[in-house]
Amino acid sequence: MELSLFQGFDNIRFERARGDITRTFARVVFGMMFFLRRSDNPEHRKQLMQAEEYCRNLVPTDTYNWAVVETPDNLTWLDLRKAGNDAKAYELWQRQAMNDDLWFGLFDFTNKDGEAAGHALEIRALGLRFPAKEQDFFQFNFPLPWLERQDRPGLAQKIFRDLADILQPLHAQSGLCMTMTGNPSWTQGEGAESLYPLLRKYPGLIAGRAADMTFSIGDDMLPINWLNAVHNDLLDRCGGREAVLAQLGLTGFEFWDYDNGIVVQAGPAPLLGNRETGEKMPHYGALARALKPARISEYGGKGKWSIVNYRRPNDKYDKDQRRETLHEYLTRFDDM
């Protein structure tokens, strides 16, 4: 039987062996990443949990094989798989002091140590000890064959718009994503470096997890992708909503409002692009250029911002090369 395009993408996986253990530490999924300003308001965390409940109505708890809710001391756990699909992570989060950093995650891998998840629901809310400019995140990933099996045209767009309405993000991106294990021992060194040729060849791939790219981001946004949410504050840095929209005249763009900004679909379908063949991504390029003034640079976060899993050999030891690598990732759509 001929593989569909989505099934073909799903087969892009990277394995790494350590002794007798082999793990799929990276794979292509459909990813959604929402980034929110850290807030002192308890309603902020309630929004995150409302979004979590929305996602578990789409992908029930029994889809996942591993769950964790943790505080900084790693003492508090609520395994939603055992509690049932009606369990509310927010009931646990509500009992924690706002000063605590809180993480929540559901993952579908069977090996806890080192696997990259297909289905994943991951949330981070920073405690009050962090500056207000740091960003919380909400990430919802699913395997491409799962999306295909739903047989509901426009489902990905609906999920993204609904989550933007719930979360009211500062910025958000969604599309084809090379997601990776949360265990850095499998991605460090030659692990992540082995991904670089593919990630560079196909600029449409988001590199990694939201957890790996939010610290020291300040009030800036990450590069665009197929589906995007952009807060009015960021649009103002780009000349305002009308100035941005005026640059997006290509047929194929779609726009929707949420309370604090706009959702932009950059073309009819998510794309990979191809640097080696010169394949262009004109919708991605136009949007990237329009929003460039709001995008973080390789000098962002006082030079401390980084995307952990987009790197070349020797980046660790050569600061100038590392800055060039970050610049390459951040500007990869600018000439499309």
C-alpha atoms as a PDB file:
ATOM      1  CA  MET A   1       0.000   0.000   0.000  1.00  0.00           C
ATOM      2  CA  GLU A   2       1.352   3.415  -0.935  1.00  0.00           C
ATOM      3  CA  LEU A   3       2.195   5.639   2.007  1.00  0.00           C
ATOM      4  CA  SER A   4       0.391   8.960   2.320  1.00  0.00           C
ATOM      5  CA  LEU A   5       2.414  12.162   2.616  1.00  0.00           C
ATOM      6  CA  PHE A   6       1.664  12.353   6.355  1.00  0.00           C
ATOM      7  CA  GLN A   7       2.675   8.720   6.878  1.00  0.00           C
ATOM      8  CA  GLY A   8       5.909   9.444   5.045  1.00  0.00           C
ATOM      9  CA  PHE A   9       6.657  12.367   7.365  1.00  0.00           C
ATOM     10  CA  ASP A  10       5.813  10.161  10.347  1.00  0.00           C
ATOM     11  CA  ASN A  11       8.518   7.736   9.251  1.00  0.00           C
ATOM     12  CA  ILE A  12      11.225  10.395   9.645  1.00  0.00           C
ATOM     13  CA  ARG A  13      12.746   9.254  12.920  1.00  0.00           C
ATOM     14  CA  PHE A  14      16.211   9.353  14.445  1.00  0.00           C
ATOM     15  CA  GLU A  15      17.571   6.608  16.667  1.00  0.00           C
ATOM     16  CA  ARG A  16      20.590   6.536  18.931  1.00  0.00           C
ATOM     17  CA  ALA A  17      22.141   3.566  20.686  1.00  0.00           C
ATOM     18  CA  ARG A  18      23.849   3.579  24.072  1.00  0.00           C
ATOM     19  CA  GLY A  19      25.089   0.178  25.049  1.00  0.00           C
ATOM     20  CA  ASP A  20      22.223  -2.280  24.617  1.00  0.00           C
ATOM     21  CA  ILE A  21      19.586   0.456  24.609  1.00  0.00           C
ATOM     22  CA  THR A  22      18.301   2.136  21.444  1.00  0.00           C
ATOM     23  CA  ARG A  23      15.883   5.034  21.557  1.00  0.00           C
ATOM     24  CA  THR A  24      13.992   7.065  18.940  1.00  0.00           C
ATOM     25  CA  PHE A  25      15.139  10.411  20.286  1.00  0.00           C
ATOM     26  CA  ALA A  26      13.626  12.580  17.508  1.00  0.00           C
ATOM     27  CA  ARG A  27      10.663  12.284  15.134  1.00  0.00           C
ATOM     28  CA  VAL A  28       8.393  14.450  12.977  1.00  0.00           C
ATOM     29  CA  VAL A  29       4.960  15.306  14.397  1.00  0.00           C
ATOM     30  CA  PHE A  30       2.400  18.069  14.008  1.00  0.00           C
ATOM     31  CA  GLY A  31       3.254  20.521  16.761  1.00  0.00           C
ATOM     32  CA  MET A  32       1.506  23.488  18.343  1.00  0.00           C
ATOM     33  CA  MET A  33       3.424  25.849  20.640  1.00  0.00           C
ATOM     34  CA  PHE A  34       1.770  28.707  22.518  1.00  0.00           C
ATOM     35  CA  PHE A  35       3.850  31.211  24.472  1.00  0.00           C
ATOM     36  CA  LEU A  36       2.391  33.405  27.220  1.00  0.00           C
ATOM     37  CA  ARG A  37       3.804  36.137  29.406  1.00  0.00           C
ATOM     38  CA  ARG A  38       4.391  34.921  32.946  1.00  0.00           C
ATOM     39  CA  SER A  39       1.626  36.323  35.131  1.00  0.00           C
ATOM     40  CA  ASP A  40       0.911  36.782  38.833  1.00  0.00           C
ATOM     41  CA  ASN A  41      -2.808  36.293  38.202  1.00  0.00           C
ATOM     42  CA  PRO A  42      -4.146  32.840  39.237  1.00  0.00           C
ATOM     43  CA  GLU A  43      -6.524  33.041  36.261  1.00  0.00           C
ATOM     44  CA  HIS A  44      -3.453  32.704  34.040  1.00  0.00           C
ATOM     45  CA  ARG A  45      -2.830  29.174  35.296  1.00  0.00           C
ATOM     46  CA  LYS A  46      -6.519  28.423  35.040  1.00  0.00           C
ATOM     47  CA  GLN A  47      -6.350  29.296  31.325  1.00  0.00           C
ATOM     48  CA  LEU A  48      -3.541  26.774  30.892  1.00  0.00           C
ATOM     49  CA  MET A  49      -5.621  24.095  32.550  1.00  0.00           C
ATOM     50  CA  GLN A  50      -8.707  24.942  30.514  1.00  0.00           C
ATOM     51  CA  ALA A  51      -6.595  24.443  27.415  1.00  0.00           C
ATOM     52  CA  GLU A  52      -5.334  21.150  28.844  1.00  0.00           C
ATOM     53  CA  GLU A  53      -8.910  19.933  29.349  1.00  0.00           C
ATOM     54  CA  TYR A  54      -9.762  20.955  25.772  1.00  0.00           C
ATOM     55  CA  CYS A  55      -6.871  18.876  24.429  1.00  0.00           C
ATOM     56  CA  ARG A  56      -7.783  15.831  26.520  1.00  0.00           C
ATOM     57  CA  ASN A  57     -11.273  15.927  25.011  1.00  0.00           C
ATOM     58  CA  LEU A  58      -9.555  15.464  21.641  1.00  0.00           C
ATOM     59  CA  VAL A  59      -6.924  12.956  22.753  1.00  0.00           C
ATOM     60  CA  PRO A  60      -8.178  11.012  25.805  1.00  0.00           C
ATOM     61  CA  THR A  61      -5.905  10.311  28.743  1.00  0.00           C
ATOM     62  CA  ASP A  62      -5.631   6.592  27.949  1.00  0.00           C
ATOM     63  CA  THR A  63      -3.740   7.524  24.752  1.00  0.00           C
ATOM     64  CA  TYR A  64      -0.744   8.394  26.916  1.00  0.00           C
ATOM     65  CA  ASN A  65       1.634   6.059  28.725  1.00  0.00           C
ATOM     66  CA  TRP A  66       3.392   8.461  31.061  1.00  0.00           C
ATOM     67  CA  ALA A  67       2.248  11.460  33.055  1.00  0.00           C
ATOM     68  CA  VAL A  68       3.801  13.898  35.469  1.00  0.00           C
ATOM     69  CA  VAL A  69       2.904  17.031  37.352  1.00  0.00           C
ATOM     70  CA  GLU A  70       5.827  18.353  39.344  1.00  0.00           C
ATOM     71  CA  THR A  71       6.776  21.194  41.630  1.00  0.00           C
ATOM     72  CA  PRO A  72      10.356  22.447  42.020  1.00  0.00           C
ATOM     73  CA  ASP A  73      10.950  19.825  44.702  1.00  0.00           C
ATOM     74  CA  ASN A  74       9.469  17.148  42.434  1.00  0.00           C
ATOM     75  CA  LEU A  75       7.216  15.987  45.276  1.00  0.00           C
ATOM     76  CA  THR A  76       3.702  16.356  43.932  1.00  0.00           C
ATOM     77  CA  TRP A  77       2.372  14.004  41.279  1.00  0.00           C
ATOM     78  CA  LEU A  78      -1.055  13.568  39.740  1.00  0.00           C
ATOM     79  CA  ASP A  79      -1.161  10.700  37.273  1.00  0.00           C
ATOM     80  CA  LEU A  80      -4.130  11.630  35.108  1.00  0.00           C
ATOM     81  CA  ARG A  81      -4.093   8.200  33.469  1.00  0.00           C
ATOM     82  CA  LYS A  82      -5.091   6.613  36.783  1.00  0.00           C
ATOM     83  CA  ALA A  83      -7.402   9.445  37.792  1.00  0.00           C
ATOM     84  CA  GLY A  84      -9.418   9.213  34.568  1.00  0.00           C
ATOM     85  CA  ASN A  85     -10.125  11.646  31.788  1.00  0.00           C
ATOM     86  CA  ASP A  86     -12.225  13.875  34.068  1.00  0.00           C
ATOM     87  CA  ALA A  87      -9.300  14.584  36.415  1.00  0.00           C
ATOM     88  CA  LYS A  88      -8.334  18.237  36.577  1.00  0.00           C
ATOM     89  CA  ALA A  89      -4.651  19.044  36.768  1.00  0.00           C
ATOM     90  CA  TYR A  90      -5.705  22.537  37.791  1.00  0.00           C
ATOM     91  CA  GLU A  91      -7.079  21.133  41.069  1.00  0.00           C
ATOM     92  CA  LEU A  92      -3.518  20.196  41.951  1.00  0.00           C
ATOM     93  CA  TRP A  93      -1.976  23.379  40.572  1.00  0.00           C
ATOM     94  CA  GLN A  94      -4.449  25.453  42.542  1.00  0.00           C
ATOM     95  CA  ARG A  95      -2.968  24.135  45.775  1.00  0.00           C
ATOM     96  CA  GLN A  96       0.560  25.187  44.896  1.00  0.00           C
ATOM     97  CA  ALA A  97       2.008  28.571  45.817  1.00  0.00           C
ATOM     98  CA  MET A  98       2.292  30.993  42.913  1.00  0.00           C
ATOM     99  CA  ASN A  99       5.984  31.217  43.746  1.00  0.00           C
ATOM    100  CA  ASP A 100       6.467  27.645  42.513  1.00  0.00           C
ATOM    101  CA  ASP A 101       7.419  26.669  38.982  1.00  0.00           C
ATOM    102  CA  LEU A 102       4.992  24.035  37.784  1.00  0.00           C
ATOM    103  CA  TRP A 103       5.325  21.518  34.983  1.00  0.00           C
ATOM    104  CA  PHE A 104       2.705  19.212  33.562  1.00  0.00           C
ATOM    105  CA  GLY A 105       3.138  16.573  30.903  1.00  0.00           C
ATOM    106  CA  LEU A 106       1.397  13.665  29.201  1.00  0.00           C
ATOM    107  CA  PHE A 107       3.430  11.575  26.739  1.00  0.00           C
ATOM    108  CA  ASP A 108       2.685   8.465  24.696  1.00  0.00           C
ATOM    109  CA  PHE A 109       6.086   6.782  24.731  1.00  0.00           C
ATOM    110  CA  THR A 110       6.500   3.460  26.529  1.00  0.00           C
ATOM    111  CA  ASN A 111      10.143   3.873  27.536  1.00  0.00           C
ATOM    112  CA  LYS A 112      10.487   6.708  30.030  1.00  0.00           C
ATOM    113  CA  ASP A 113      14.158   7.192  29.347  1.00  0.00           C
ATOM    114  CA  GLY A 114      14.911   8.833  26.039  1.00  0.00           C
ATOM    115  CA  GLU A 115      11.936   8.391  23.702  1.00  0.00           C
ATOM    116  CA  ALA A 116      10.494  11.231  21.616  1.00  0.00           C
ATOM    117  CA  ALA A 117       6.722  11.314  22.047  1.00  0.00           C
ATOM    118  CA  GLY A 118       4.202  11.334  19.198  1.00  0.00           C
ATOM    119  CA  HIS A 119       1.292  12.458  21.351  1.00  0.00           C
ATOM    120  CA  ALA A 120       2.419  15.036  23.908  1.00  0.00           C
ATOM    121  CA  LEU A 121       0.745  17.658  26.058  1.00  0.00           C
ATOM    122  CA  GLU A 122       3.251  19.771  27.954  1.00  0.00           C
ATOM    123  CA  ILE A 123       2.836  22.930  30.038  1.00  0.00           C
ATOM    124  CA  ARG A 124       5.161  25.144  32.045  1.00  0.00           C
ATOM    125  CA  ALA A 125       4.102  27.981  34.344  1.00  0.00           C
ATOM    126  CA  LEU A 126       6.984  29.877  35.900  1.00  0.00           C
ATOM    127  CA  GLY A 127       6.873  30.997  39.512  1.00  0.00           C
ATOM    128  CA  LEU A 128       7.012  34.573  40.720  1.00  0.00           C
ATOM    129  CA  ARG A 129      10.764  34.439  41.241  1.00  0.00           C
ATOM    130  CA  PHE A 130      11.110  34.794  37.456  1.00  0.00           C
ATOM    131  CA  PRO A 131      10.876  38.227  35.787  1.00  0.00           C
ATOM    132  CA  ALA A 132       7.526  39.033  34.227  1.00  0.00           C
ATOM    133  CA  LYS A 133       9.174  39.108  30.800  1.00  0.00           C
ATOM    134  CA  GLU A 134       9.905  35.374  30.854  1.00  0.00           C
ATOM    135  CA  GLN A 135       7.386  33.255  28.978  1.00  0.00           C
ATOM    136  CA  ASP A 136       5.265  30.278  29.951  1.00  0.00           C
ATOM    137  CA  PHE A 137       4.334  27.752  27.298  1.00  0.00           C
ATOM    138  CA  PHE A 138       1.649  25.284  26.269  1.00  0.00           C
ATOM    139  CA  GLN A 139       2.559  22.588  23.744  1.00  0.00           C
ATOM    140  CA  PHE A 140       0.192  20.113  22.070  1.00  0.00           C
ATOM    141  CA  ASN A 141       1.699  17.579  19.632  1.00  0.00           C
ATOM    142  CA  PHE A 142       0.134  14.675  17.775  1.00  0.00           C
ATOM    143  CA  PRO A 143       1.372  12.191  15.157  1.00  0.00           C
ATOM    144  CA  LEU A 144       0.523  13.103  11.585  1.00  0.00           C
ATOM    145  CA  PRO A 145      -1.300   9.797  10.911  1.00  0.00           C
ATOM    146  CA  TRP A 146      -3.607  10.605  13.865  1.00  0.00           C
ATOM    147  CA  LEU A 147      -4.573  13.895  12.201  1.00  0.00           C
ATOM    148  CA  GLU A 148      -5.104  12.097   8.897  1.00  0.00           C
ATOM    149  CA  ARG A 149      -7.357   9.456  10.502  1.00  0.00           C
ATOM    150  CA  GLN A 150      -9.694  12.124  11.885  1.00  0.00           C
ATOM    151  CA  ASP A 151     -10.718  12.857   8.290  1.00  0.00           C
ATOM    152  CA  ARG A 152     -11.844  16.357   9.248  1.00  0.00           C
ATOM    153  CA  PRO A 153     -10.522  19.020   6.853  1.00  0.00           C
ATOM    154  CA  GLY A 154      -9.545  22.134   8.759  1.00  0.00           C
ATOM    155  CA  LEU A 155      -9.244  20.310  12.100  1.00  0.00           C
ATOM    156  CA  ALA A 156      -5.680  21.496  12.783  1.00  0.00           C
ATOM    157  CA  GLN A 157      -6.701  25.095  12.138  1.00  0.00           C
ATOM    158  CA  LYS A 158      -9.753  24.760  14.401  1.00  0.00           C
ATOM    159  CA  ILE A 159      -7.699  23.327  17.266  1.00  0.00           C
ATOM    160  CA  PHE A 160      -5.126  26.098  16.913  1.00  0.00           C
ATOM    161  CA  ARG A 161      -7.751  28.867  16.814  1.00  0.00           C
ATOM    162  CA  ASP A 162      -9.647  27.403  19.777  1.00  0.00           C
ATOM    163  CA  LEU A 163      -6.469  27.211  21.859  1.00  0.00           C
ATOM    164  CA  ALA A 164      -5.551  30.775  20.901  1.00  0.00           C
ATOM    165  CA  ASP A 165      -8.987  31.884  22.131  1.00  0.00           C
ATOM    166  CA  ILE A 166      -8.470  30.076  25.453  1.00  0.00           C
ATOM    167  CA  LEU A 167      -4.830  30.986  26.072  1.00  0.00           C
ATOM    168  CA  GLN A 168      -4.644  34.492  24.552  1.00  0.00           C
ATOM    169  CA  PRO A 169      -0.940  33.969  23.774  1.00  0.00           C
ATOM    170  CA  LEU A 170       1.767  36.530  23.184  1.00  0.00           C
ATOM    171  CA  HIS A 171       2.732  34.449  20.157  1.00  0.00           C
ATOM    172  CA  ALA A 172       2.235  30.903  18.875  1.00  0.00           C
ATOM    173  CA  GLN A 173       3.455  28.734  16.025  1.00  0.00           C
ATOM    174  CA  SER A 174       2.229  25.443  14.577  1.00  0.00           C
ATOM    175  CA  GLY A 175       3.318  23.144  11.780  1.00  0.00           C
ATOM    176  CA  LEU A 176       5.619  20.244  11.012  1.00  0.00           C
ATOM    177  CA  CYS A 177       7.874  19.777  14.005  1.00  0.00           C
ATOM    178  CA  MET A 178      10.990  17.714  14.676  1.00  0.00           C
ATOM    179  CA  THR A 179      10.192  16.947  18.292  1.00  0.00           C
ATOM    180  CA  MET A 180      12.790  15.469  20.597  1.00  0.00           C
ATOM    181  CA  THR A 181      13.093  13.614  23.837  1.00  0.00           C
ATOM    182  CA  GLY A 182      13.072  15.602  27.026  1.00  0.00           C
ATOM    183  CA  ASN A 183      16.076  13.627  28.261  1.00  0.00           C
ATOM    184  CA  PRO A 184      19.132  15.697  27.264  1.00  0.00           C
ATOM    185  CA  SER A 185      21.510  12.770  27.600  1.00  0.00           C
ATOM    186  CA  TRP A 186      20.134  11.439  24.289  1.00  0.00           C
ATOM    187  CA  THR A 187      20.329  14.739  22.390  1.00  0.00           C
ATOM    188  CA  GLN A 188      23.589  16.168  23.674  1.00  0.00           C
ATOM    189  CA  GLY A 189      26.680  16.049  21.497  1.00  0.00           C
ATOM    190  CA  GLU A 190      26.245  14.019  18.335  1.00  0.00           C
ATOM    191  CA  GLY A 191      22.542  13.435  19.076  1.00  0.00           C
ATOM    192  CA  ALA A 192      21.254  16.903  18.175  1.00  0.00           C
ATOM    193  CA  GLU A 193      24.152  17.506  15.795  1.00  0.00           C
ATOM    194  CA  SER A 194      23.028  14.524  13.700  1.00  0.00           C
ATOM    195  CA  LEU A 195      19.709  16.326  13.094  1.00  0.00           C
ATOM    196  CA  TYR A 196      21.293  19.509  11.774  1.00  0.00           C
ATOM    197  CA  PRO A 197      21.625  18.491   8.072  1.00  0.00           C
ATOM    198  CA  LEU A 198      17.923  17.575   7.857  1.00  0.00           C
ATOM    199  CA  LEU A 199      16.742  20.625   9.804  1.00  0.00           C
ATOM    200  CA  ARG A 200      18.827  22.918   7.641  1.00  0.00           C
ATOM    201  CA  LYS A 201      17.637  21.245   4.424  1.00  0.00           C
ATOM    202  CA  TYR A 202      13.948  21.527   5.392  1.00  0.00           C
ATOM    203  CA  PRO A 203      13.421  24.962   6.955  1.00  0.00           C
ATOM    204  CA  GLY A 204       9.700  24.299   7.480  1.00  0.00           C
ATOM    205  CA  LEU A 205      10.530  22.004  10.403  1.00  0.00           C
ATOM    206  CA  ILE A 206      10.280  23.509  13.872  1.00  0.00           C
ATOM    207  CA  ALA A 207      13.358  22.329  15.761  1.00  0.00           C
ATOM    208  CA  GLY A 208      12.546  20.727  19.092  1.00  0.00           C
ATOM    209  CA  ARG A 209      10.246  21.440  22.013  1.00  0.00           C
ATOM    210  CA  ALA A 210       8.912  24.678  23.433  1.00  0.00           C
ATOM    211  CA  ALA A 211      10.715  23.824  26.670  1.00  0.00           C
ATOM    212  CA  ASP A 212      14.018  24.154  24.816  1.00  0.00           C
ATOM    213  CA  MET A 213      13.534  27.658  23.448  1.00  0.00           C
ATOM    214  CA  THR A 214      11.754  29.937  25.925  1.00  0.00           C
ATOM    215  CA  PHE A 215      14.222  30.975  28.616  1.00  0.00           C
ATOM    216  CA  SER A 216      15.670  34.481  28.177  1.00  0.00           C
ATOM    217  CA  ILE A 217      13.241  35.200  25.341  1.00  0.00           C
ATOM    218  CA  GLY A 218      11.920  38.342  27.031  1.00  0.00           C
ATOM    219  CA  ASP A 219       9.041  39.969  25.131  1.00  0.00           C
ATOM    220  CA  ASP A 220      10.155  38.727  21.712  1.00  0.00           C
ATOM    221  CA  MET A 221       8.589  36.103  19.486  1.00  0.00           C
ATOM    222  CA  LEU A 222      10.012  33.022  17.791  1.00  0.00           C
ATOM    223  CA  PRO A 223      10.115  32.489  14.000  1.00  0.00           C
ATOM    224  CA  ILE A 224       6.808  31.941  12.231  1.00  0.00           C
ATOM    225  CA  ASN A 225       5.473  28.696  10.800  1.00  0.00           C
ATOM    226  CA  TRP A 226       2.295  27.548   9.045  1.00  0.00           C
ATOM    227  CA  LEU A 227      -0.211  28.593  11.744  1.00  0.00           C
ATOM    228  CA  ASN A 228       0.626  31.612  13.876  1.00  0.00           C
ATOM    229  CA  ALA A 229      -0.899  33.732  16.621  1.00  0.00           C
ATOM    230  CA  VAL A 230       0.488  37.232  17.116  1.00  0.00           C
ATOM    231  CA  HIS A 231      -0.447  39.548  19.976  1.00  0.00           C
ATOM    232  CA  ASN A 232      -1.323  43.162  19.226  1.00  0.00           C
ATOM    233  CA  ASP A 233       1.733  44.285  21.229  1.00  0.00           C
ATOM    234  CA  LEU A 234       3.969  42.461  18.767  1.00  0.00           C
ATOM    235  CA  LEU A 235       2.019  43.756  15.777  1.00  0.00           C
ATOM    236  CA  ASP A 236       2.598  47.286  17.078  1.00  0.00           C
ATOM    237  CA  ARG A 237       6.352  46.680  16.993  1.00  0.00           C
ATOM    238  CA  CYS A 238       5.950  45.831  13.304  1.00  0.00           C
ATOM    239  CA  GLY A 239       4.078  49.018  12.452  1.00  0.00           C
ATOM    240  CA  GLY A 240       0.623  47.882  13.537  1.00  0.00           C
ATOM    241  CA  ARG A 241      -1.929  45.339  12.340  1.00  0.00           C
ATOM    242  CA  GLU A 242      -2.782  47.107   9.089  1.00  0.00           C
ATOM    243  CA  ALA A 243       0.883  47.566   8.158  1.00  0.00           C
ATOM    244  CA  VAL A 244       1.502  43.838   8.698  1.00  0.00           C
ATOM    245  CA  LEU A 245      -1.596  42.765   6.758  1.00  0.00           C
ATOM    246  CA  ALA A 246      -0.639  45.063   3.881  1.00  0.00           C
ATOM    247  CA  GLN A 247       2.473  42.921   3.355  1.00  0.00           C
ATOM    248  CA  LEU A 248       0.466  39.690   3.191  1.00  0.00           C
ATOM    249  CA  GLY A 249      -1.326  40.088  -0.115  1.00  0.00           C
ATOM    250  CA  LEU A 250      -0.527  36.657  -1.572  1.00  0.00           C
ATOM    251  CA  THR A 251      -3.541  34.478  -2.308  1.00  0.00           C
ATOM    252  CA  GLY A 252      -3.670  31.667   0.237  1.00  0.00           C
ATOM    253  CA  PHE A 253      -3.283  33.595   3.477  1.00  0.00           C
ATOM    254  CA  GLU A 254      -6.117  33.171   5.989  1.00  0.00           C
ATOM    255  CA  PHE A 255      -6.769  35.415   9.004  1.00  0.00           C
ATOM    256  CA  TRP A 256      -8.845  35.160  12.180  1.00  0.00           C
ATOM    257  CA  ASP A 257      -9.053  37.384  15.233  1.00  0.00           C
ATOM    258  CA  TYR A 258      -8.614  36.439  18.853  1.00  0.00           C
ATOM    259  CA  ASP A 259      -9.194  38.944  21.661  1.00  0.00           C
ATOM    260  CA  ASN A 260      -5.596  40.172  21.868  1.00  0.00           C
ATOM    261  CA  GLY A 261      -4.335  39.628  18.337  1.00  0.00           C
ATOM    262  CA  ILE A 262      -4.638  37.754  15.048  1.00  0.00           C
ATOM    263  CA  VAL A 263      -4.183  34.189  13.846  1.00  0.00           C
ATOM    264  CA  VAL A 264      -2.447  33.881  10.464  1.00  0.00           C
ATOM    265  CA  GLN A 265      -2.388  30.791   8.265  1.00  0.00           C
ATOM    266  CA  ALA A 266       0.587  31.057   5.899  1.00  0.00           C
ATOM    267  CA  GLY A 267      -0.680  29.241   2.822  1.00  0.00           C
ATOM    268  CA  PRO A 268      -3.033  26.339   2.128  1.00  0.00           C
ATOM    269  CA  ALA A 269      -0.914  23.613   3.763  1.00  0.00           C
ATOM    270  CA  PRO A 270       2.177  23.188   5.963  1.00  0.00           C
ATOM    271  CA  LEU A 271       5.399  23.019   3.974  1.00  0.00           C
ATOM    272  CA  LEU A 272       8.905  21.684   4.483  1.00  0.00           C
ATOM    273  CA  GLY A 273      10.680  23.705   1.804  1.00  0.00           C
ATOM    274  CA  ASN A 274      14.051  22.521   0.540  1.00  0.00           C
ATOM    275  CA  ARG A 275      17.259  24.539   0.636  1.00  0.00           C
ATOM    276  CA  GLU A 276      19.113  22.070  -1.555  1.00  0.00           C
ATOM    277  CA  THR A 277      16.663  22.289  -4.464  1.00  0.00           C
ATOM    278  CA  GLY A 278      15.838  25.955  -3.914  1.00  0.00           C
ATOM    279  CA  GLU A 279      12.170  25.251  -3.195  1.00  0.00           C
ATOM    280  CA  LYS A 280      10.597  28.486  -1.982  1.00  0.00           C
ATOM    281  CA  MET A 281       7.940  29.053   0.687  1.00  0.00           C
ATOM    282  CA  PRO A 282       6.488  32.423  -0.360  1.00  0.00           C
ATOM    283  CA  HIS A 283       3.773  32.655   2.311  1.00  0.00           C
ATOM    284  CA  TYR A 284       6.213  31.800   5.074  1.00  0.00           C
ATOM    285  CA  GLY A 285       8.699  34.305   3.652  1.00  0.00           C
ATOM    286  CA  ALA A 286       6.228  37.168   3.439  1.00  0.00           C
ATOM    287  CA  LEU A 287       5.027  36.615   7.002  1.00  0.00           C
ATOM    288  CA  ALA A 288       8.561  36.252   8.366  1.00  0.00           C
ATOM    289  CA  ARG A 289       9.613  39.559   6.812  1.00  0.00           C
ATOM    290  CA  ALA A 290       6.481  41.349   8.031  1.00  0.00           C
ATOM    291  CA  LEU A 291       7.025  40.231  11.633  1.00  0.00           C
ATOM    292  CA  LYS A 292      10.808  40.516  11.709  1.00  0.00           C
ATOM    293  CA  PRO A 293      10.872  43.566  14.058  1.00  0.00           C
ATOM    294  CA  ALA A 294       9.190  41.491  16.796  1.00  0.00           C
ATOM    295  CA  ARG A 295      11.369  38.393  16.370  1.00  0.00           C
ATOM    296  CA  ILE A 296      14.144  37.521  18.762  1.00  0.00           C
ATOM    297  CA  SER A 297      17.669  37.767  17.369  1.00  0.00           C
ATOM    298  CA  GLU A 298      20.789  35.741  18.007  1.00  0.00           C
ATOM    299  CA  TYR A 299      21.712  38.520  20.439  1.00  0.00           C
ATOM    300  CA  GLY A 300      18.383  38.273  22.286  1.00  0.00           C
ATOM    301  CA  GLY A 301      18.109  37.813  26.037  1.00  0.00           C
ATOM    302  CA  LYS A 302      21.425  39.632  26.494  1.00  0.00           C
ATOM    303  CA  GLY A 303      22.973  36.917  24.368  1.00  0.00           C
ATOM    304  CA  LYS A 304      21.625  34.145  26.597  1.00  0.00           C
ATOM    305  CA  TRP A 305      18.720  32.990  24.390  1.00  0.00           C
ATOM    306  CA  SER A 306      19.321  29.799  22.454  1.00  0.00           C
ATOM    307  CA  ILE A 307      17.489  27.020  20.676  1.00  0.00           C
ATOM    308  CA  VAL A 308      19.036  23.955  22.229  1.00  0.00           C
ATOM    309  CA  ASN A 309      18.618  21.358  19.502  1.00  0.00           C
ATOM    310  CA  TYR A 310      19.531  23.282  16.352  1.00  0.00           C
ATOM    311  CA  ARG A 311      23.289  23.127  16.403  1.00  0.00           C
ATOM    312  CA  ARG A 312      26.389  22.196  14.460  1.00  0.00           C
ATOM    313  CA  PRO A 313      29.485  20.371  15.666  1.00  0.00           C
ATOM    314  CA  ASN A 314      31.776  22.705  17.623  1.00  0.00           C
ATOM    315  CA  ASP A 315      28.986  25.225  18.360  1.00  0.00           C
ATOM    316  CA  LYS A 316      29.628  24.529  22.023  1.00  0.00           C
ATOM    317  CA  TYR A 317      33.220  25.678  21.739  1.00  0.00           C
ATOM    318  CA  ASP A 318      32.959  28.457  19.142  1.00  0.00           C
ATOM    319  CA  LYS A 319      30.696  31.356  20.193  1.00  0.00           C
ATOM    320  CA  ASP A 320      30.875  33.065  16.823  1.00  0.00           C
ATOM    321  CA  GLN A 321      29.871  29.889  15.018  1.00  0.00           C
ATOM    322  CA  ARG A 322      27.059  29.313  17.512  1.00  0.00           C
ATOM    323  CA  ARG A 323      25.740  32.818  16.844  1.00  0.00           C
ATOM    324  CA  GLU A 324      25.853  32.121  13.097  1.00  0.00           C
ATOM    325  CA  THR A 325      23.885  28.889  13.628  1.00  0.00           C
ATOM    326  CA  LEU A 326      21.206  30.689  15.657  1.00  0.00           C
ATOM    327  CA  HIS A 327      21.013  33.442  13.018  1.00  0.00           C
ATOM    328  CA  GLU A 328      20.544  30.802  10.323  1.00  0.00           C
ATOM    329  CA  TYR A 329      17.600  29.253  12.169  1.00  0.00           C
ATOM    330  CA  LEU A 330      15.919  32.535  13.072  1.00  0.00           C
ATOM    331  CA  THR A 331      16.172  34.021   9.573  1.00  0.00           C
ATOM    332  CA  ARG A 332      15.571  30.852   7.572  1.00  0.00           C
ATOM    333  CA  PHE A 333      12.354  32.148   5.946  1.00  0.00           C
ATOM    334  CA  ASP A 334      13.496  35.715   5.263  1.00  0.00           C
ATOM    335  CA  ASP A 335      14.664  35.013   1.706  1.00  0.00           C
ATOM    336  CA  MET A 336      11.898  32.570   0.803  1.00  0.00           C
END
